[in-house]
Amino acid sequence: MVDVLRVTLLGAVLATASVDAGGVISTPETTEIVSAKQDISPLYLGLGFTVANFHSCGSGCTYEDKTYGGMLRLGYDLNSNLGFEARVSRSFWGEGPFGGVPLQYMGIFVKPQISLGENFNLYGLLGYGYTENLGNGARLNYFDSDDGFSAGVGVEYRLSSKKYVDEQRGDSEGRWSLFLDYQRLLIKSSVPAMDLVTFGLRYDFDSLRQQRTDITAN
């Protein structure tokens, strides 16, 4: 009889241990923690050094010169194969019979692209732009300003892998790239041939991406 009582009491103690103060059986609780992880944004900015070639023919002679300047590009990559980009460039120092034809250009482009290995990216530029001759005097006899279709091709070299993210330092590798491209400013038979070659540096902005983690507590 004593043994039976001992077994009964032990069972009651074990049952009480599995029930909380409100009489509800305890179950493991799951907590969701949301943390921010730094990654590379599809938004980027580029700055480059430009060489502008100006070719024109009029009054039985051929005019040709080069001017040098800078270019700013702002873009957004929708994915690894397509992006959009806006460009502004201006040449201010030149050489030629009249000291060079300084050009100012603004354009917006669709940017098809393809990766060539881990660090190289080949891209095209198809869009519409406006070009203006900032010179004066005899230089204006060749070209004043016009707008029309524009196109180009280029290559980018990423200085490090885009996939790596250092969470301890809050720093991302792969933000910097070198680029080299060629662009025909206006594709139109009624204007002089104006070509732009640009070499520069591209910077990819950072973005914070939410990462959810489930933690189960007993």
Protein backbone atom coordinates (compact mmCIF):
# COMPACT_ATOMS: atom_id res chain seq x y z
CA MET A 1 0.00 0.00 0.00
CA VAL A 2 2.87 2.37 0.84
CA ASP A 3 4.53 1.67 -2.53
CA VAL A 4 1.28 2.48 -4.33
CA LEU A 5 1.04 5.81 -2.49
CA ARG A 6 4.65 6.65 -3.38
CA VAL A 7 4.02 6.01 -7.09
CA THR A 8 0.84 8.10 -6.98
CA LEU A 9 2.58 11.03 -5.29
CA LEU A 10 5.51 10.92 -7.77
CA GLY A 11 3.09 11.02 -10.71
CA ALA A 12 1.30 14.04 -9.20
CA VAL A 13 4.60 15.91 -8.75
CA LEU A 14 5.65 15.28 -12.34
CA ALA A 15 2.25 16.42 -13.64
CA THR A 16 2.40 19.61 -11.57
CA ALA A 17 5.89 20.43 -12.90
CA SER A 18 4.60 20.42 -16.46
CA VAL A 19 1.76 22.85 -15.68
CA ASP A 20 2.32 26.60 -15.05
CA ALA A 21 0.65 28.72 -12.38
CA GLY A 22 -2.43 29.31 -14.53
CA GLY A 23 -2.93 25.63 -15.09
CA VAL A 24 -1.83 25.74 -18.78
CA ILE A 25 0.68 23.30 -20.14
CA SER A 26 3.90 25.13 -21.12
CA THR A 27 5.03 25.00 -24.76
CA PRO A 28 8.25 26.30 -26.36
CA GLU A 29 8.00 29.92 -27.55
CA THR A 30 9.43 31.13 -30.90
CA THR A 31 10.73 34.70 -31.18
CA GLU A 32 11.40 36.37 -34.51
CA ILE A 33 14.37 38.73 -34.59
CA VAL A 34 14.78 41.18 -37.47
CA SER A 35 18.31 42.38 -38.16
CA ALA A 36 19.75 44.67 -40.86
CA LYS A 37 22.43 43.33 -43.20
CA GLN A 38 24.50 45.64 -45.37
CA ASP A 39 24.53 44.83 -49.07
CA ILE A 40 25.28 46.57 -52.36
CA SER A 41 22.54 48.76 -53.85
CA PRO A 42 21.62 48.73 -57.57
CA LEU A 43 22.17 52.51 -57.53
CA TYR A 44 25.61 53.71 -58.63
CA LEU A 45 27.56 56.87 -59.45
CA GLY A 46 30.48 57.32 -61.82
CA LEU A 47 32.98 60.08 -62.56
CA GLY A 48 35.36 60.06 -65.52
CA PHE A 49 37.89 61.92 -67.62
CA THR A 50 36.74 62.47 -71.23
CA VAL A 51 38.33 63.02 -74.62
CA ALA A 52 35.89 64.52 -77.16
CA ASN A 53 36.59 64.27 -80.89
CA PHE A 54 34.91 66.78 -83.18
CA HIS A 55 34.94 66.21 -86.97
CA SER A 56 33.32 68.58 -89.44
CA CYS A 57 33.65 69.53 -93.08
CA GLY A 58 32.51 72.82 -94.61
CA SER A 59 33.52 75.37 -97.25
CA GLY A 60 35.83 72.88 -98.91
CA CYS A 61 37.93 72.19 -95.80
CA THR A 62 37.92 69.69 -92.97
CA TYR A 63 37.86 70.77 -89.33
CA GLU A 64 38.94 68.39 -86.60
CA ASP A 65 40.04 68.82 -83.01
CA LYS A 66 39.99 67.31 -79.53
CA THR A 67 38.79 68.72 -76.23
CA TYR A 68 39.19 67.31 -72.73
CA GLY A 69 36.85 67.40 -69.77
CA GLY A 70 34.78 65.38 -67.33
CA MET A 71 31.68 63.20 -67.24
CA LEU A 72 29.21 62.30 -64.48
CA ARG A 73 27.04 59.17 -64.74
CA LEU A 74 24.19 58.08 -62.46
CA GLY A 75 22.59 54.68 -63.00
CA TYR A 76 20.35 51.94 -61.65
CA ASP A 77 20.81 48.24 -62.45
CA LEU A 78 17.45 46.45 -62.58
CA ASN A 79 19.29 43.14 -62.78
CA SER A 80 22.54 41.70 -64.10
CA ASN A 81 21.41 42.16 -67.72
CA LEU A 82 19.59 45.51 -67.81
CA GLY A 83 19.91 48.96 -66.30
CA PHE A 84 19.22 52.66 -66.87
CA GLU A 85 21.70 55.51 -66.84
CA ALA A 86 21.80 59.31 -67.09
CA ARG A 87 24.96 61.15 -68.22
CA VAL A 88 26.24 64.71 -68.18
CA SER A 89 29.59 65.68 -69.70
CA ARG A 90 31.48 68.84 -70.57
CA SER A 91 34.79 69.49 -72.28
CA PHE A 92 36.60 72.70 -71.38
CA TRP A 93 40.22 72.38 -72.50
CA GLY A 94 41.17 71.66 -76.07
CA GLU A 95 43.48 71.86 -79.00
CA GLY A 96 42.85 72.77 -82.62
CA PRO A 97 42.87 75.74 -85.04
CA PHE A 98 40.52 77.69 -82.74
CA GLY A 99 41.53 76.16 -79.43
CA GLY A 100 39.11 73.25 -79.67
CA VAL A 101 35.31 73.02 -79.72
CA PRO A 102 34.09 72.80 -76.08
CA LEU A 103 31.03 70.54 -75.90
CA GLN A 104 28.32 70.04 -73.31
CA TYR A 105 26.21 66.88 -73.38
CA MET A 106 23.22 65.44 -71.47
CA GLY A 107 21.57 62.10 -72.18
CA ILE A 108 19.55 59.20 -70.78
CA PHE A 109 20.08 55.57 -71.76
CA VAL A 110 18.87 52.01 -71.57
CA LYS A 111 21.90 49.92 -70.60
CA PRO A 112 21.95 46.26 -71.70
CA GLN A 113 24.84 44.41 -70.07
CA ILE A 114 26.45 41.02 -69.64
CA SER A 115 29.00 39.69 -67.15
CA LEU A 116 32.29 38.38 -68.50
CA GLY A 117 33.67 36.32 -65.66
CA GLU A 118 33.56 37.39 -62.02
CA ASN A 119 34.88 40.95 -62.33
CA PHE A 120 34.27 42.13 -65.92
CA ASN A 121 31.02 43.63 -67.19
CA LEU A 122 30.35 44.53 -70.85
CA TYR A 123 27.57 47.06 -71.50
CA GLY A 124 25.89 49.01 -74.26
CA LEU A 125 24.22 52.43 -74.27
CA LEU A 126 21.08 53.16 -76.28
CA GLY A 127 19.31 56.45 -75.69
CA TYR A 128 18.61 60.07 -76.48
CA GLY A 129 20.72 63.14 -75.78
CA TYR A 130 21.34 66.84 -76.29
CA THR A 131 24.69 68.33 -77.36
CA GLU A 132 25.67 71.99 -77.34
CA ASN A 133 28.73 73.83 -78.66
CA LEU A 134 29.94 76.19 -75.93
CA GLY A 135 32.44 77.91 -78.20
CA ASN A 136 32.13 81.23 -79.98
CA GLY A 137 33.26 83.01 -83.12
CA ALA A 138 34.35 80.86 -86.06
CA ARG A 139 33.70 77.63 -84.14
CA LEU A 140 29.94 78.20 -84.26
CA ASN A 141 30.04 77.99 -88.08
CA TYR A 142 30.36 74.23 -87.79
CA PHE A 143 27.80 73.37 -85.11
CA ASP A 144 25.59 75.11 -82.55
CA SER A 145 23.35 72.61 -80.72
CA ASP A 146 21.07 69.67 -81.48
CA ASP A 147 19.43 66.60 -79.97
CA GLY A 148 18.88 63.05 -81.18
CA PHE A 149 19.68 59.39 -80.70
CA SER A 150 22.93 58.41 -79.05
CA ALA A 151 24.72 55.11 -78.54
CA GLY A 152 27.86 53.64 -77.05
CA VAL A 153 29.65 50.60 -75.68
CA GLY A 154 31.89 50.07 -72.67
CA VAL A 155 33.46 47.71 -70.17
CA GLU A 156 33.72 47.79 -66.38
CA TYR A 157 36.23 46.04 -64.15
CA ARG A 158 35.19 45.45 -60.57
CA LEU A 159 38.14 45.92 -58.23
CA SER A 160 36.90 43.14 -55.89
CA SER A 161 34.11 40.60 -55.65
CA LYS A 162 30.60 42.07 -55.34
CA LYS A 163 29.32 39.07 -53.41
CA TYR A 164 31.43 39.52 -50.27
CA VAL A 165 30.01 41.55 -47.35
CA ASP A 166 31.98 42.19 -44.15
CA GLU A 167 29.29 42.36 -41.45
CA GLN A 168 31.77 42.96 -38.62
CA ARG A 169 33.10 46.21 -40.09
CA GLY A 170 29.81 47.15 -41.75
CA ASP A 171 31.73 47.45 -45.01
CA SER A 172 31.12 45.98 -48.44
CA GLU A 173 33.77 44.94 -50.89
CA GLY A 174 33.13 45.39 -54.59
CA ARG A 175 31.80 48.94 -54.38
CA TRP A 176 34.48 50.33 -56.71
CA SER A 177 34.91 49.67 -60.43
CA LEU A 178 36.97 51.09 -63.28
CA PHE A 179 35.22 51.78 -66.58
CA LEU A 180 36.17 52.65 -70.15
CA ASP A 181 33.59 53.45 -72.84
CA TYR A 182 33.04 54.99 -76.26
CA GLN A 183 29.99 57.05 -77.20
CA ARG A 184 28.67 58.73 -80.35
CA LEU A 185 26.96 61.81 -78.95
CA LEU A 186 24.50 62.32 -81.82
CA ILE A 187 23.58 59.81 -84.53
CA LYS A 188 22.39 62.24 -87.18
CA SER A 189 23.68 62.99 -90.68
CA SER A 190 22.98 66.72 -90.42
CA VAL A 191 25.47 67.33 -87.56
CA PRO A 192 29.25 66.88 -87.30
CA ALA A 193 30.61 63.60 -85.96
CA MET A 194 31.16 63.97 -82.22
CA ASP A 195 32.69 61.06 -80.32
CA LEU A 196 33.41 60.76 -76.61
CA VAL A 197 35.89 58.38 -74.95
CA THR A 198 35.70 58.23 -71.15
CA PHE A 199 37.84 56.54 -68.50
CA GLY A 200 36.77 56.71 -64.89
CA LEU A 201 35.69 55.24 -61.58
CA ARG A 202 32.29 53.86 -60.56
CA TYR A 203 30.95 53.63 -57.00
CA ASP A 204 28.08 51.31 -55.96
CA PHE A 205 26.05 52.57 -53.02
CA ASP A 206 25.23 50.44 -49.97
CA SER A 207 21.78 49.35 -48.93
CA LEU A 208 20.42 47.79 -45.73
CA ARG A 209 18.62 44.50 -46.25
CA GLN A 210 16.39 43.03 -43.50
CA GLN A 211 17.26 39.52 -42.37
CA ARG A 212 14.78 37.55 -40.22
CA THR A 213 15.92 34.92 -37.72
CA ASP A 214 13.63 32.63 -35.68
CA ILE A 215 14.81 31.76 -32.15
CA THR A 216 13.00 29.07 -30.14
CA ALA A 217 13.04 29.40 -26.35
CA ASN A 218 12.03 26.52 -24.03
